[in-house]
Amino acid sequence: LVKMLNELFARFDELAEENQCLRIKLLGDCYYCVSGLPEPNRYHARSCVEMGLAMVKAIKKVREALNVEVDMRV
């Protein structure tokens, strides 16, 4: 479980950069990120939505690759 979360969170970090988001905290199995900080982003809401959609796809890929049942709230 820890290895899977580590790999998934590493992918989320990549997605955050791609979507102009910033990870602000990891707490257990929770991944917190924002957009518009520290640099303002006029399209922060769109960036957050795109980040969330990319996270859903990443979770699906991990589920299929590792053949595990993993569900996360985004």
Protein backbone atom coordinates (compact mmCIF):
# COMPACT_ATOMS: atom_id res chain seq x y z
CA LEU A 1 0.00 0.00 0.00
CA VAL A 2 2.78 2.43 0.94
CA LYS A 3 4.69 1.70 -2.27
CA MET A 4 1.55 2.19 -4.37
CA LEU A 5 0.73 5.50 -2.67
CA ASN A 6 4.32 6.67 -3.09
CA GLU A 7 4.20 5.94 -6.83
CA LEU A 8 0.79 7.53 -7.17
CA PHE A 9 1.79 10.67 -5.27
CA ALA A 10 4.95 10.97 -7.38
CA ARG A 11 2.72 10.92 -10.47
CA PHE A 12 0.42 13.49 -8.85
CA ASP A 13 3.45 15.76 -8.33
CA GLU A 14 4.20 15.52 -12.07
CA LEU A 15 0.57 16.25 -12.91
CA ALA A 16 0.55 19.21 -10.52
CA GLU A 17 3.47 20.77 -12.36
CA GLU A 18 1.82 20.12 -15.74
CA ASN A 19 -1.41 21.76 -14.54
CA GLN A 20 0.14 24.79 -12.80
CA CYS A 21 -0.76 23.41 -9.37
CA LEU A 22 1.33 23.15 -6.22
CA ARG A 23 1.29 20.30 -3.70
CA ILE A 24 0.94 21.88 -0.31
CA LYS A 25 0.66 18.82 1.91
CA LEU A 26 0.63 15.05 2.15
CA LEU A 27 -1.24 13.67 5.12
CA GLY A 28 -1.48 9.89 5.23
CA ASP A 29 -3.28 8.96 2.05
CA CYS A 30 -4.45 12.54 1.35
CA TYR A 31 -2.84 14.73 -1.31
CA TYR A 32 -3.54 18.46 -1.03
CA CYS A 33 -2.76 20.88 -3.85
CA VAL A 34 -3.76 24.37 -4.96
CA SER A 35 -3.43 26.57 -8.00
CA GLY A 36 -2.65 30.26 -8.00
CA LEU A 37 0.08 30.03 -5.34
CA PRO A 38 2.77 31.23 -4.99
CA GLU A 39 2.32 32.78 -8.45
CA PRO A 40 -1.15 34.09 -9.33
CA ASN A 41 -2.95 32.04 -11.96
CA ARG A 42 -5.86 33.71 -13.67
CA TYR A 43 -7.23 30.29 -14.58
CA HIS A 44 -6.74 28.65 -11.19
CA ALA A 45 -10.17 27.01 -11.14
CA ARG A 46 -9.63 25.44 -14.56
CA SER A 47 -6.17 24.25 -13.52
CA CYS A 48 -7.64 22.55 -10.44
CA VAL A 49 -10.36 20.82 -12.46
CA GLU A 50 -7.86 19.62 -15.05
CA MET A 51 -5.62 18.39 -12.24
CA GLY A 52 -8.51 16.45 -10.70
CA LEU A 53 -9.40 14.82 -14.02
CA ALA A 54 -5.76 13.86 -14.58
CA MET A 55 -5.63 12.37 -11.06
CA VAL A 56 -8.67 10.19 -11.84
CA LYS A 57 -6.91 8.88 -14.96
CA ALA A 58 -3.70 8.22 -13.00
CA ILE A 59 -5.61 6.28 -10.34
CA LYS A 60 -7.27 4.17 -13.05
CA LYS A 61 -3.88 3.38 -14.62
CA VAL A 62 -2.43 2.29 -11.28
CA ARG A 63 -5.49 0.15 -10.60
CA GLU A 64 -5.08 -1.60 -13.95
CA ALA A 65 -1.27 -1.87 -13.83
CA LEU A 66 -1.14 -3.35 -10.34
CA ASN A 67 -4.45 -5.21 -10.54
CA VAL A 68 -5.61 -3.76 -7.22
CA GLU A 69 -8.85 -2.23 -6.06
CA VAL A 70 -7.98 1.32 -5.13
CA ASP A 71 -10.51 4.12 -4.86
CA MET A 72 -9.70 7.69 -3.94
CA ARG A 73 -11.75 10.83 -3.64
CA VAL A 74 -10.59 13.73 -5.78
